Full PDB file with SEQRES, HELIX, SHEET, SSBOND, CRYST1, ORIGX, SCALE, CONECT and MASTER records, all heavy atoms in Angstrom:
SEQRES   1 A   40  ALA ARG TRP ARG ALA LEU GLY THR ILE PRO LYS SER GLY          
SEQRES   2 A   40  LEU GLU LEU ARG LYS GLU TRP ARG GLU LEU GLU ILE ARG          
SEQRES   3 A   40  THR TYR TYR ASP PRO GLU VAL PRO GLU LEU PRO ASP LEU          
SEQRES   4 A   40  GLU                                                          
HELIX    1 AA1 LYS A   18  LEU A   23  5                                   6    
HELIX    2 AA2 ILE A   25  THR A   27  5                                   3    
SHEET    1 AA1 2 ARG A   2  TRP A   3  0                                        
SHEET    2 AA1 2 GLY A   7  THR A   8 -1                                        
CRYST1    1.000    1.000    1.000  90.00  90.00  90.00 P 1           1          
ORIGX1      1.000000  0.000000  0.000000        0.00000                         
ORIGX2      0.000000  1.000000  0.000000        0.00000                         
ORIGX3      0.000000  0.000000  1.000000        0.00000                         
SCALE1      1.000000  0.000000  0.000000        0.00000                         
SCALE2      0.000000  1.000000  0.000000        0.00000                         
SCALE3      0.000000  0.000000  1.000000        0.00000                         
ATOM      1  N   ALA A   1      67.433  37.660-121.753  1.00  0.00           N  
ATOM      2  CA  ALA A   1      67.140  36.646-120.742  1.00  0.00           C  
ATOM      3  C   ALA A   1      65.734  36.811-120.183  1.00  0.00           C  
ATOM      4  O   ALA A   1      65.219  37.921-120.075  1.00  0.00           O  
ATOM      5  CB  ALA A   1      68.161  36.723-119.603  1.00  0.00           C  
ATOM      6  N   ARG A   2      65.149  35.684-119.823  1.00  0.00           N  
ATOM      7  CA  ARG A   2      63.837  35.692-119.171  1.00  0.00           C  
ATOM      8  C   ARG A   2      63.980  36.015-117.693  1.00  0.00           C  
ATOM      9  O   ARG A   2      64.941  35.610-117.045  1.00  0.00           O  
ATOM     10  CB  ARG A   2      63.145  34.330-119.323  1.00  0.00           C  
ATOM     11  CG  ARG A   2      62.446  34.143-120.663  1.00  0.00           C  
ATOM     12  CD  ARG A   2      61.698  32.820-120.713  1.00  0.00           C  
ATOM     13  NE  ARG A   2      60.773  32.653-119.603  1.00  0.00           N  
ATOM     14  CZ  ARG A   2      59.580  33.232-119.498  1.00  0.00           C  
ATOM     15  NH1 ARG A   2      59.155  34.062-120.462  1.00  0.00           N  
ATOM     16  NH2 ARG A   2      58.809  33.012-118.464  1.00  0.00           N  
ATOM     17  N   TRP A   3      63.005  36.747-117.176  1.00  0.00           N  
ATOM     18  CA  TRP A   3      62.881  37.027-115.751  1.00  0.00           C  
ATOM     19  C   TRP A   3      61.508  36.518-115.321  1.00  0.00           C  
ATOM     20  O   TRP A   3      60.500  36.792-115.986  1.00  0.00           O  
ATOM     21  CB  TRP A   3      62.979  38.521-115.468  1.00  0.00           C  
ATOM     22  CG  TRP A   3      64.319  39.139-115.753  1.00  0.00           C  
ATOM     23  CD1 TRP A   3      65.061  39.032-116.893  1.00  0.00           C  
ATOM     24  CD2 TRP A   3      65.061  39.987-114.879  1.00  0.00           C  
ATOM     25  NE1 TRP A   3      66.222  39.747-116.786  1.00  0.00           N  
ATOM     26  CE2 TRP A   3      66.248  40.359-115.561  1.00  0.00           C  
ATOM     27  CE3 TRP A   3      64.842  40.481-113.586  1.00  0.00           C  
ATOM     28  CZ2 TRP A   3      67.218  41.188-114.983  1.00  0.00           C  
ATOM     29  CZ3 TRP A   3      65.799  41.319-113.014  1.00  0.00           C  
ATOM     30  CH2 TRP A   3      66.970  41.655-113.706  1.00  0.00           C  
ATOM     31  N   ARG A   4      61.466  35.786-114.262  1.00  0.00           N  
ATOM     32  CA  ARG A   4      60.183  35.254-113.807  1.00  0.00           C  
ATOM     33  C   ARG A   4      59.189  36.390-113.559  1.00  0.00           C  
ATOM     34  O   ARG A   4      59.490  37.366-112.865  1.00  0.00           O  
ATOM     35  CB  ARG A   4      60.373  34.455-112.514  1.00  0.00           C  
ATOM     36  CG  ARG A   4      59.112  33.718-112.049  1.00  0.00           C  
ATOM     37  CD  ARG A   4      59.424  32.796-110.893  1.00  0.00           C  
ATOM     38  NE  ARG A   4      58.283  31.941-110.569  1.00  0.00           N  
ATOM     39  CZ  ARG A   4      58.326  30.898-109.739  1.00  0.00           C  
ATOM     40  NH1 ARG A   4      59.470  30.582-109.165  1.00  0.00           N  
ATOM     41  NH2 ARG A   4      57.259  30.176-109.508  1.00  0.00           N  
ATOM     42  N   ALA A   5      58.027  36.262-114.150  1.00  0.00           N  
ATOM     43  CA  ALA A   5      56.913  37.216-114.012  1.00  0.00           C  
ATOM     44  C   ALA A   5      57.160  38.548-114.706  1.00  0.00           C  
ATOM     45  O   ALA A   5      56.313  39.431-114.659  1.00  0.00           O  
ATOM     46  CB  ALA A   5      56.568  37.467-112.538  1.00  0.00           C  
ATOM     47  N   LEU A   6      58.318  38.696-115.386  1.00  0.00           N  
ATOM     48  CA  LEU A   6      58.605  39.946-116.092  1.00  0.00           C  
ATOM     49  C   LEU A   6      58.837  39.733-117.580  1.00  0.00           C  
ATOM     50  O   LEU A   6      58.912  40.707-118.332  1.00  0.00           O  
ATOM     51  CB  LEU A   6      59.841  40.632-115.480  1.00  0.00           C  
ATOM     52  CG  LEU A   6      59.719  41.112-114.029  1.00  0.00           C  
ATOM     53  CD1 LEU A   6      61.048  41.697-113.560  1.00  0.00           C  
ATOM     54  CD2 LEU A   6      58.597  42.119-113.868  1.00  0.00           C  
ATOM     55  N   GLY A   7      58.966  38.492-118.016  1.00  0.00           N  
ATOM     56  CA  GLY A   7      59.192  38.212-119.428  1.00  0.00           C  
ATOM     57  C   GLY A   7      60.662  38.321-119.811  1.00  0.00           C  
ATOM     58  O   GLY A   7      61.555  38.342-118.963  1.00  0.00           O  
ATOM     59  N   THR A   8      60.900  38.398-121.115  1.00  0.00           N  
ATOM     60  CA  THR A   8      62.268  38.494-121.620  1.00  0.00           C  
ATOM     61  C   THR A   8      62.718  39.946-121.640  1.00  0.00           C  
ATOM     62  O   THR A   8      62.035  40.817-122.173  1.00  0.00           O  
ATOM     63  CB  THR A   8      62.366  37.898-123.034  1.00  0.00           C  
ATOM     64  OG1 THR A   8      62.028  36.503-122.968  1.00  0.00           O  
ATOM     65  CG2 THR A   8      63.777  38.039-123.589  1.00  0.00           C  
ATOM     66  N   ILE A   9      63.875  40.199-121.048  1.00  0.00           N  
ATOM     67  CA  ILE A   9      64.445  41.545-120.991  1.00  0.00           C  
ATOM     68  C   ILE A   9      65.723  41.559-121.822  1.00  0.00           C  
ATOM     69  O   ILE A   9      66.632  40.756-121.580  1.00  0.00           O  
ATOM     70  CB  ILE A   9      64.740  41.971-119.541  1.00  0.00           C  
ATOM     71  CG1 ILE A   9      63.430  42.024-118.733  1.00  0.00           C  
ATOM     72  CG2 ILE A   9      65.449  43.312-119.505  1.00  0.00           C  
ATOM     73  CD1 ILE A   9      63.627  42.381-117.278  1.00  0.00           C  
ATOM     74  N   PRO A  10      65.808  42.449-122.819  1.00  0.00           N  
ATOM     75  CA  PRO A  10      66.997  42.480-123.681  1.00  0.00           C  
ATOM     76  C   PRO A  10      68.282  42.744-122.904  1.00  0.00           C  
ATOM     77  O   PRO A  10      68.315  43.570-121.995  1.00  0.00           O  
ATOM     78  CB  PRO A  10      66.698  43.635-124.649  1.00  0.00           C  
ATOM     79  CG  PRO A  10      65.209  43.783-124.628  1.00  0.00           C  
ATOM     80  CD  PRO A  10      64.796  43.428-123.236  1.00  0.00           C  
ATOM     81  N   LYS A  11      69.312  42.002-123.272  1.00  0.00           N  
ATOM     82  CA  LYS A  11      70.676  42.214-122.758  1.00  0.00           C  
ATOM     83  C   LYS A  11      70.716  42.271-121.232  1.00  0.00           C  
ATOM     84  O   LYS A  11      71.418  43.095-120.639  1.00  0.00           O  
ATOM     85  CB  LYS A  11      71.260  43.492-123.358  1.00  0.00           C  
ATOM     86  CG  LYS A  11      71.390  43.449-124.876  1.00  0.00           C  
ATOM     87  CD  LYS A  11      71.974  44.737-125.423  1.00  0.00           C  
ATOM     88  CE  LYS A  11      72.081  44.663-126.944  1.00  0.00           C  
ATOM     89  NZ  LYS A  11      72.644  45.915-127.530  1.00  0.00           N  
ATOM     90  N   SER A  12      70.009  41.353-120.609  1.00  0.00           N  
ATOM     91  CA  SER A  12      69.928  41.369-119.142  1.00  0.00           C  
ATOM     92  C   SER A  12      70.468  40.102-118.493  1.00  0.00           C  
ATOM     93  O   SER A  12      70.475  40.006-117.266  1.00  0.00           O  
ATOM     94  CB  SER A  12      68.469  41.552-118.706  1.00  0.00           C  
ATOM     95  OG  SER A  12      67.687  40.421-119.078  1.00  0.00           O  
ATOM     96  N   GLY A  13      70.912  39.126-119.301  1.00  0.00           N  
ATOM     97  CA  GLY A  13      71.402  37.873-118.749  1.00  0.00           C  
ATOM     98  C   GLY A  13      72.867  37.647-119.056  1.00  0.00           C  
ATOM     99  O   GLY A  13      73.427  38.244-119.979  1.00  0.00           O  
ATOM    100  N   LEU A  14      73.488  36.781-118.281  1.00  0.00           N  
ATOM    101  CA  LEU A  14      74.895  36.458-118.477  1.00  0.00           C  
ATOM    102  C   LEU A  14      75.062  34.956-118.678  1.00  0.00           C  
ATOM    103  O   LEU A  14      74.679  34.166-117.812  1.00  0.00           O  
ATOM    104  CB  LEU A  14      75.726  36.915-117.271  1.00  0.00           C  
ATOM    105  CG  LEU A  14      75.840  38.424-117.065  1.00  0.00           C  
ATOM    106  CD1 LEU A  14      76.518  38.714-115.729  1.00  0.00           C  
ATOM    107  CD2 LEU A  14      76.626  39.070-118.201  1.00  0.00           C  
ATOM    108  N   GLU A  15      75.618  34.595-119.824  1.00  0.00           N  
ATOM    109  CA  GLU A  15      75.943  33.200-120.109  1.00  0.00           C  
ATOM    110  C   GLU A  15      77.455  33.058-120.247  1.00  0.00           C  
ATOM    111  O   GLU A  15      78.149  34.012-120.618  1.00  0.00           O  
ATOM    112  CB  GLU A  15      75.272  32.749-121.414  1.00  0.00           C  
ATOM    113  CG  GLU A  15      73.764  32.702-121.349  1.00  0.00           C  
ATOM    114  CD  GLU A  15      73.165  32.181-122.647  1.00  0.00           C  
ATOM    115  OE1 GLU A  15      73.951  31.829-123.558  1.00  0.00           O  
ATOM    116  OE2 GLU A  15      71.925  32.147-122.741  1.00  0.00           O  
ATOM    117  N   LEU A  16      77.941  31.860-119.971  1.00  0.00           N  
ATOM    118  CA  LEU A  16      79.370  31.630-120.137  1.00  0.00           C  
ATOM    119  C   LEU A  16      79.763  31.751-121.607  1.00  0.00           C  
ATOM    120  O   LEU A  16      79.026  31.305-122.492  1.00  0.00           O  
ATOM    121  CB  LEU A  16      79.744  30.248-119.611  1.00  0.00           C  
ATOM    122  CG  LEU A  16      79.770  30.107-118.084  1.00  0.00           C  
ATOM    123  CD1 LEU A  16      80.007  28.658-117.694  1.00  0.00           C  
ATOM    124  CD2 LEU A  16      80.831  30.998-117.468  1.00  0.00           C  
ATOM    125  N   ARG A  17      80.887  32.356-121.853  1.00  0.00           N  
ATOM    126  CA  ARG A  17      81.387  32.478-123.221  1.00  0.00           C  
ATOM    127  C   ARG A  17      81.720  31.107-123.795  1.00  0.00           C  
ATOM    128  O   ARG A  17      81.936  30.144-123.058  1.00  0.00           O  
ATOM    129  CB  ARG A  17      82.636  33.365-123.241  1.00  0.00           C  
ATOM    130  CG  ARG A  17      82.371  34.812-122.864  1.00  0.00           C  
ATOM    131  CD  ARG A  17      83.622  35.663-123.004  1.00  0.00           C  
ATOM    132  NE  ARG A  17      83.351  37.055-122.646  1.00  0.00           N  
ATOM    133  CZ  ARG A  17      82.829  37.952-123.475  1.00  0.00           C  
ATOM    134  NH1 ARG A  17      82.535  37.606-124.731  1.00  0.00           N  
ATOM    135  NH2 ARG A  17      82.621  39.191-123.080  1.00  0.00           N  
ATOM    136  N   LYS A  18      81.740  31.024-125.127  1.00  0.00           N  
ATOM    137  CA  LYS A  18      81.967  29.747-125.793  1.00  0.00           C  
ATOM    138  C   LYS A  18      83.242  29.069-125.335  1.00  0.00           C  
ATOM    139  O   LYS A  18      83.300  27.842-125.183  1.00  0.00           O  
ATOM    140  CB  LYS A  18      81.993  29.951-127.309  1.00  0.00           C  
ATOM    141  CG  LYS A  18      80.638  30.290-127.909  1.00  0.00           C  
ATOM    142  CD  LYS A  18      80.726  30.448-129.426  1.00  0.00           C  
ATOM    143  CE  LYS A  18      79.355  30.778-130.006  1.00  0.00           C  
ATOM    144  NZ  LYS A  18      79.417  30.963-131.481  1.00  0.00           N  
ATOM    145  N   GLU A  19      84.286  29.858-125.104  1.00  0.00           N  
ATOM    146  CA  GLU A  19      85.562  29.258-124.712  1.00  0.00           C  
ATOM    147  C   GLU A  19      85.544  28.665-123.310  1.00  0.00           C  
ATOM    148  O   GLU A  19      86.472  27.939-122.925  1.00  0.00           O  
ATOM    149  CB  GLU A  19      86.697  30.282-124.827  1.00  0.00           C  
ATOM    150  CG  GLU A  19      86.510  31.549-124.018  1.00  0.00           C  
ATOM    151  CD  GLU A  19      85.908  32.686-124.825  1.00  0.00           C  
ATOM    152  OE1 GLU A  19      84.998  32.415-125.646  1.00  0.00           O  
ATOM    153  OE2 GLU A  19      86.355  33.835-124.639  1.00  0.00           O  
ATOM    154  N   TRP A  20      84.484  28.957-122.549  1.00  0.00           N  
ATOM    155  CA  TRP A  20      84.381  28.409-121.195  1.00  0.00           C  
ATOM    156  C   TRP A  20      83.160  27.508-121.031  1.00  0.00           C  
ATOM    157  O   TRP A  20      82.751  27.205-119.908  1.00  0.00           O  
ATOM    158  CB  TRP A  20      84.306  29.548-120.171  1.00  0.00           C  
ATOM    159  CG  TRP A  20      85.435  30.514-120.259  1.00  0.00           C  
ATOM    160  CD1 TRP A  20      85.378  31.833-120.605  1.00  0.00           C  
ATOM    161  CD2 TRP A  20      86.823  30.241-120.001  1.00  0.00           C  
ATOM    162  NE1 TRP A  20      86.624  32.406-120.579  1.00  0.00           N  
ATOM    163  CE2 TRP A  20      87.536  31.450-120.212  1.00  0.00           C  
ATOM    164  CE3 TRP A  20      87.531  29.092-119.619  1.00  0.00           C  
ATOM    165  CZ2 TRP A  20      88.916  31.546-120.053  1.00  0.00           C  
ATOM    166  CZ3 TRP A  20      88.909  29.184-119.457  1.00  0.00           C  
ATOM    167  CH2 TRP A  20      89.583  30.394-119.679  1.00  0.00           C  
ATOM    168  N   ARG A  21      82.601  27.043-122.123  1.00  0.00           N  
ATOM    169  CA  ARG A  21      81.365  26.249-122.034  1.00  0.00           C  
ATOM    170  C   ARG A  21      81.556  24.916-121.315  1.00  0.00           C  
ATOM    171  O   ARG A  21      80.586  24.304-120.867  1.00  0.00           O  
ATOM    172  CB  ARG A  21      80.795  26.001-123.432  1.00  0.00           C  
ATOM    173  CG  ARG A  21      80.260  27.240-124.119  1.00  0.00           C  
ATOM    174  CD  ARG A  21      79.079  27.850-123.392  1.00  0.00           C  
ATOM    175  NE  ARG A  21      77.872  27.044-123.467  1.00  0.00           N  
ATOM    176  CZ  ARG A  21      76.726  27.338-122.884  1.00  0.00           C  
ATOM    177  NH1 ARG A  21      76.639  28.431-122.165  1.00  0.00           N  
ATOM    178  NH2 ARG A  21      75.684  26.554-123.007  1.00  0.00           N  
ATOM    179  N   GLU A  22      82.813  24.467-121.186  1.00  0.00           N  
ATOM    180  CA  GLU A  22      83.023  23.211-120.448  1.00  0.00           C  
ATOM    181  C   GLU A  22      82.724  23.381-118.960  1.00  0.00           C  
ATOM    182  O   GLU A  22      82.590  22.395-118.222  1.00  0.00           O  
ATOM    183  CB  GLU A  22      84.460  22.709-120.629  1.00  0.00           C  
ATOM    184  CG  GLU A  22      85.531  23.475-119.867  1.00  0.00           C  
ATOM    185  CD  GLU A  22      86.050  24.686-120.624  1.00  0.00           C  
ATOM    186  OE1 GLU A  22      85.467  25.040-121.677  1.00  0.00           O  
ATOM    187  OE2 GLU A  22      87.056  25.281-120.168  1.00  0.00           O  
ATOM    188  N   LEU A  23      82.579  24.638-118.513  1.00  0.00           N  
ATOM    189  CA  LEU A  23      82.248  24.906-117.121  1.00  0.00           C  
ATOM    190  C   LEU A  23      80.741  24.978-116.884  1.00  0.00           C  
ATOM    191  O   LEU A  23      80.305  25.102-115.743  1.00  0.00           O  
ATOM    192  CB  LEU A  23      82.882  26.235-116.682  1.00  0.00           C  
ATOM    193  CG  LEU A  23      84.415  26.301-116.731  1.00  0.00           C  
ATOM    194  CD1 LEU A  23      84.886  27.741-116.529  1.00  0.00           C  
ATOM    195  CD2 LEU A  23      85.023  25.379-115.681  1.00  0.00           C  
ATOM    196  N   GLU A  24      79.950  24.910-117.941  1.00  0.00           N  
ATOM    197  CA  GLU A  24      78.488  25.013-117.875  1.00  0.00           C  
ATOM    198  C   GLU A  24      77.879  23.626-117.995  1.00  0.00           C  
ATOM    199  O   GLU A  24      78.124  22.903-118.964  1.00  0.00           O  
ATOM    200  CB  GLU A  24      77.992  25.935-118.985  1.00  0.00           C  
ATOM    201  CG  GLU A  24      76.503  25.928-119.238  1.00  0.00           C  
ATOM    202  CD  GLU A  24      75.682  26.406-118.050  1.00  0.00           C  
ATOM    203  OE1 GLU A  24      75.760  27.598-117.706  1.00  0.00           O  
ATOM    204  OE2 GLU A  24      74.953  25.559-117.493  1.00  0.00           O  
ATOM    205  N   ILE A  25      77.058  23.234-117.018  1.00  0.00           N  
ATOM    206  CA  ILE A  25      76.498  21.877-116.996  1.00  0.00           C  
ATOM    207  C   ILE A  25      75.583  21.616-118.184  1.00  0.00           C  
ATOM    208  O   ILE A  25      75.456  20.485-118.662  1.00  0.00           O  
ATOM    209  CB  ILE A  25      75.751  21.618-115.651  1.00  0.00           C  
ATOM    210  CG1 ILE A  25      75.395  20.140-115.517  1.00  0.00           C  
ATOM    211  CG2 ILE A  25      74.517  22.508-115.542  1.00  0.00           C  
ATOM    212  CD1 ILE A  25      76.572  19.205-115.497  1.00  0.00           C  
ATOM    213  N   ARG A  26      74.976  22.668-118.751  1.00  0.00           N  
ATOM    214  CA  ARG A  26      74.084  22.468-119.895  1.00  0.00           C  
ATOM    215  C   ARG A  26      74.841  22.094-121.161  1.00  0.00           C  
ATOM    216  O   ARG A  26      74.220  21.707-122.155  1.00  0.00           O  
ATOM    217  CB  ARG A  26      73.245  23.726-120.125  1.00  0.00           C  
ATOM    218  CG  ARG A  26      72.067  23.851-119.172  1.00  0.00           C  
ATOM    219  CD  ARG A  26      71.415  25.213-119.243  1.00  0.00           C  
ATOM    220  NE  ARG A  26      72.252  26.250-118.642  1.00  0.00           N  
ATOM    221  CZ  ARG A  26      71.878  27.521-118.511  1.00  0.00           C  
ATOM    222  NH1 ARG A  26      70.695  27.906-118.962  1.00  0.00           N  
ATOM    223  NH2 ARG A  26      72.676  28.403-117.934  1.00  0.00           N  
ATOM    224  N   THR A  27      76.139  22.187-121.148  1.00  0.00           N  
ATOM    225  CA  THR A  27      76.935  21.686-122.270  1.00  0.00           C  
ATOM    226  C   THR A  27      76.850  20.162-122.353  1.00  0.00           C  
ATOM    227  O   THR A  27      76.934  19.585-123.442  1.00  0.00           O  
ATOM    228  CB  THR A  27      78.408  22.120-122.104  1.00  0.00           C  
ATOM    229  OG1 THR A  27      78.462  23.542-122.049  1.00  0.00           O  
ATOM    230  CG2 THR A  27      79.274  21.627-123.257  1.00  0.00           C  
ATOM    231  N   TYR A  28      76.617  19.526-121.228  1.00  0.00           N  
ATOM    232  CA  TYR A  28      76.603  18.061-121.150  1.00  0.00           C  
ATOM    233  C   TYR A  28      75.189  17.494-121.062  1.00  0.00           C  
ATOM    234  O   TYR A  28      74.927  16.385-121.539  1.00  0.00           O  
ATOM    235  CB  TYR A  28      77.421  17.614-119.927  1.00  0.00           C  
ATOM    236  CG  TYR A  28      78.787  18.243-119.881  1.00  0.00           C  
ATOM    237  CD1 TYR A  28      79.010  19.422-119.159  1.00  0.00           C  
ATOM    238  CD2 TYR A  28      79.853  17.693-120.583  1.00  0.00           C  
ATOM    239  CE1 TYR A  28      80.264  20.018-119.129  1.00  0.00           C  
ATOM    240  CE2 TYR A  28      81.118  18.284-120.549  1.00  0.00           C  
ATOM    241  CZ  TYR A  28      81.315  19.445-119.830  1.00  0.00           C  
ATOM    242  OH  TYR A  28      82.554  20.040-119.805  1.00  0.00           O  
ATOM    243  N   TYR A  29      74.296  18.228-120.435  1.00  0.00           N  
ATOM    244  CA  TYR A  29      72.899  17.797-120.297  1.00  0.00           C  
ATOM    245  C   TYR A  29      72.002  18.987-120.636  1.00  0.00           C  
ATOM    246  O   TYR A  29      72.168  20.065-120.075  1.00  0.00           O  
ATOM    247  CB  TYR A  29      72.599  17.339-118.871  1.00  0.00           C  
ATOM    248  CG  TYR A  29      73.452  16.201-118.377  1.00  0.00           C  
ATOM    249  CD1 TYR A  29      74.575  16.453-117.580  1.00  0.00           C  
ATOM    250  CD2 TYR A  29      73.137  14.883-118.684  1.00  0.00           C  
ATOM    251  CE1 TYR A  29      75.359  15.415-117.112  1.00  0.00           C  
ATOM    252  CE2 TYR A  29      73.915  13.825-118.223  1.00  0.00           C  
ATOM    253  CZ  TYR A  29      75.026  14.100-117.439  1.00  0.00           C  
ATOM    254  OH  TYR A  29      75.812  13.068-116.978  1.00  0.00           O  
ATOM    255  N   ASP A  30      71.065  18.789-121.524  1.00  0.00           N  
ATOM    256  CA  ASP A  30      70.169  19.888-121.914  1.00  0.00           C  
ATOM    257  C   ASP A  30      68.770  19.346-122.193  1.00  0.00           C  
ATOM    258  O   ASP A  30      68.269  19.408-123.319  1.00  0.00           O  
ATOM    259  CB  ASP A  30      70.725  20.610-123.142  1.00  0.00           C  
ATOM    260  CG  ASP A  30      70.035  21.954-123.377  1.00  0.00           C  
ATOM    261  OD1 ASP A  30      69.417  22.472-122.426  1.00  0.00           O  
ATOM    262  OD2 ASP A  30      70.109  22.464-124.510  1.00  0.00           O  
ATOM    263  N   PRO A  31      68.109  18.812-121.175  1.00  0.00           N  
ATOM    264  CA  PRO A  31      66.783  18.226-121.375  1.00  0.00           C  
ATOM    265  C   PRO A  31      65.740  19.280-121.714  1.00  0.00           C  
ATOM    266  O   PRO A  31      65.847  20.435-121.288  1.00  0.00           O  
ATOM    267  CB  PRO A  31      66.470  17.577-120.020  1.00  0.00           C  
ATOM    268  CG  PRO A  31      67.275  18.369-119.046  1.00  0.00           C  
ATOM    269  CD  PRO A  31      68.529  18.751-119.765  1.00  0.00           C  
ATOM    270  N   GLU A  32      64.741  18.890-122.479  1.00  0.00           N  
ATOM    271  CA  GLU A  32      63.630  19.799-122.764  1.00  0.00           C  
ATOM    272  C   GLU A  32      62.690  19.835-121.564  1.00  0.00           C  
ATOM    273  O   GLU A  32      62.487  18.830-120.883  1.00  0.00           O  
ATOM    274  CB  GLU A  32      62.869  19.330-124.010  1.00  0.00           C  
ATOM    275  CG  GLU A  32      63.664  19.456-125.298  1.00  0.00           C  
ATOM    276  CD  GLU A  32      62.824  19.129-126.534  1.00  0.00           C  
ATOM    277  OE1 GLU A  32      61.598  18.932-126.360  1.00  0.00           O  
ATOM    278  OE2 GLU A  32      63.402  19.066-127.627  1.00  0.00           O  
ATOM    279  N   VAL A  33      62.116  21.012-121.326  1.00  0.00           N  
ATOM    280  CA  VAL A  33      61.150  21.151-120.236  1.00  0.00           C  
ATOM    281  C   VAL A  33      59.883  21.768-120.803  1.00  0.00           C  
ATOM    282  O   VAL A  33      59.932  22.542-121.765  1.00  0.00           O  
ATOM    283  CB  VAL A  33      61.703  22.015-119.085  1.00  0.00           C  
ATOM    284  CG1 VAL A  33      62.947  21.385-118.479  1.00  0.00           C  
ATOM    285  CG2 VAL A  33      62.010  23.425-119.550  1.00  0.00           C  
ATOM    286  N   PRO A  34      58.745  21.438-120.233  1.00  0.00           N  
ATOM    287  CA  PRO A  34      57.484  21.984-120.753  1.00  0.00           C  
ATOM    288  C   PRO A  34      57.349  23.463-120.427  1.00  0.00           C  
ATOM    289  O   PRO A  34      57.993  23.982-119.517  1.00  0.00           O  
ATOM    290  CB  PRO A  34      56.419  21.161-119.997  1.00  0.00           C  
ATOM    291  CG  PRO A  34      57.097  20.744-118.731  1.00  0.00           C  
ATOM    292  CD  PRO A  34      58.529  20.518-119.097  1.00  0.00           C  
ATOM    293  N   GLU A  35      56.510  24.151-121.181  1.00  0.00           N  
ATOM    294  CA  GLU A  35      56.202  25.545-120.876  1.00  0.00           C  
ATOM    295  C   GLU A  35      55.339  25.575-119.621  1.00  0.00           C  
ATOM    296  O   GLU A  35      54.325  24.882-119.521  1.00  0.00           O  
ATOM    297  CB  GLU A  35      55.470  26.190-122.044  1.00  0.00           C  
ATOM    298  CG  GLU A  35      55.260  27.681-121.883  1.00  0.00           C  
ATOM    299  CD  GLU A  35      54.679  28.329-123.125  1.00  0.00           C  
ATOM    300  OE1 GLU A  35      54.887  27.799-124.233  1.00  0.00           O  
ATOM    301  OE2 GLU A  35      54.019  29.368-122.974  1.00  0.00           O  
ATOM    302  N   LEU A  36      55.743  26.378-118.660  1.00  0.00           N  
ATOM    303  CA  LEU A  36      55.093  26.386-117.360  1.00  0.00           C  
ATOM    304  C   LEU A  36      54.682  27.809-116.974  1.00  0.00           C  
ATOM    305  O   LEU A  36      55.332  28.780-117.366  1.00  0.00           O  
ATOM    306  CB  LEU A  36      56.048  25.836-116.291  1.00  0.00           C  
ATOM    307  CG  LEU A  36      56.514  24.387-116.493  1.00  0.00           C  
ATOM    308  CD1 LEU A  36      57.713  24.098-115.600  1.00  0.00           C  
ATOM    309  CD2 LEU A  36      55.377  23.425-116.190  1.00  0.00           C  
ATOM    310  N   PRO A  37      53.612  27.954-116.201  1.00  0.00           N  
ATOM    311  CA  PRO A  37      53.215  29.291-115.743  1.00  0.00           C  
ATOM    312  C   PRO A  37      54.234  29.839-114.752  1.00  0.00           C  
ATOM    313  O   PRO A  37      54.778  29.101-113.929  1.00  0.00           O  
ATOM    314  CB  PRO A  37      51.855  29.049-115.073  1.00  0.00           C  
ATOM    315  CG  PRO A  37      51.897  27.604-114.653  1.00  0.00           C  
ATOM    316  CD  PRO A  37      52.699  26.896-115.704  1.00  0.00           C  
ATOM    317  N   ASP A  38      54.485  31.142-114.837  1.00  0.00           N  
ATOM    318  CA  ASP A  38      55.427  31.768-113.918  1.00  0.00           C  
ATOM    319  C   ASP A  38      54.922  31.775-112.483  1.00  0.00           C  
ATOM    320  O   ASP A  38      55.698  31.617-111.540  1.00  0.00           O  
ATOM    321  CB  ASP A  38      55.700  33.216-114.350  1.00  0.00           C  
ATOM    322  CG  ASP A  38      56.720  33.315-115.471  1.00  0.00           C  
ATOM    323  OD1 ASP A  38      57.438  32.323-115.701  1.00  0.00           O  
ATOM    324  OD2 ASP A  38      56.803  34.373-116.112  1.00  0.00           O  
ATOM    325  N   LEU A  39      53.614  32.000-112.318  1.00  0.00           N  
ATOM    326  CA  LEU A  39      53.042  32.190-110.990  1.00  0.00           C  
ATOM    327  C   LEU A  39      51.747  31.417-110.848  1.00  0.00           C  
ATOM    328  O   LEU A  39      51.057  31.140-111.833  1.00  0.00           O  
ATOM    329  CB  LEU A  39      52.767  33.677-110.731  1.00  0.00           C  
ATOM    330  CG  LEU A  39      53.961  34.639-110.805  1.00  0.00           C  
ATOM    331  CD1 LEU A  39      53.471  36.080-110.748  1.00  0.00           C  
ATOM    332  CD2 LEU A  39      54.951  34.373-109.685  1.00  0.00           C  
ATOM    333  N   GLU A  40      51.426  31.082-109.605  1.00  0.00           N  
ATOM    334  CA  GLU A  40      50.144  30.469-109.314  1.00  0.00           C  
ATOM    335  C   GLU A  40      49.026  31.499-109.491  1.00  0.00           C  
ATOM    336  O   GLU A  40      49.249  32.708-109.385  1.00  0.00           O  
ATOM    337  CB  GLU A  40      50.123  29.930-107.877  1.00  0.00           C  
ATOM    338  CG  GLU A  40      51.056  28.768-107.626  1.00  0.00           C  
ATOM    339  CD  GLU A  40      50.622  27.506-108.351  1.00  0.00           C  
ATOM    340  OE1 GLU A  40      49.409  27.324-108.552  1.00  0.00           O  
ATOM    341  OE2 GLU A  40      51.511  26.710-108.723  1.00  0.00           O  
TER     342      GLU A  40                                                      
MASTER        0    0    0    2    2    0    0    6  341    1    0    4          
END                                                                             
C-alpha cells in the first residue's frame, strides 16, 4: 500500500477480501485519477 510522503510499503495495507467486495464502494465506481504530488 501507498503511504502519503512515504511511498509504497510492502504488506502494509488492508483491502476487503474478494468475498466481501460488495461492501467496497470501488467495486461499483472506480474512476481514474491523475498522478498528483504528495506534498506542496
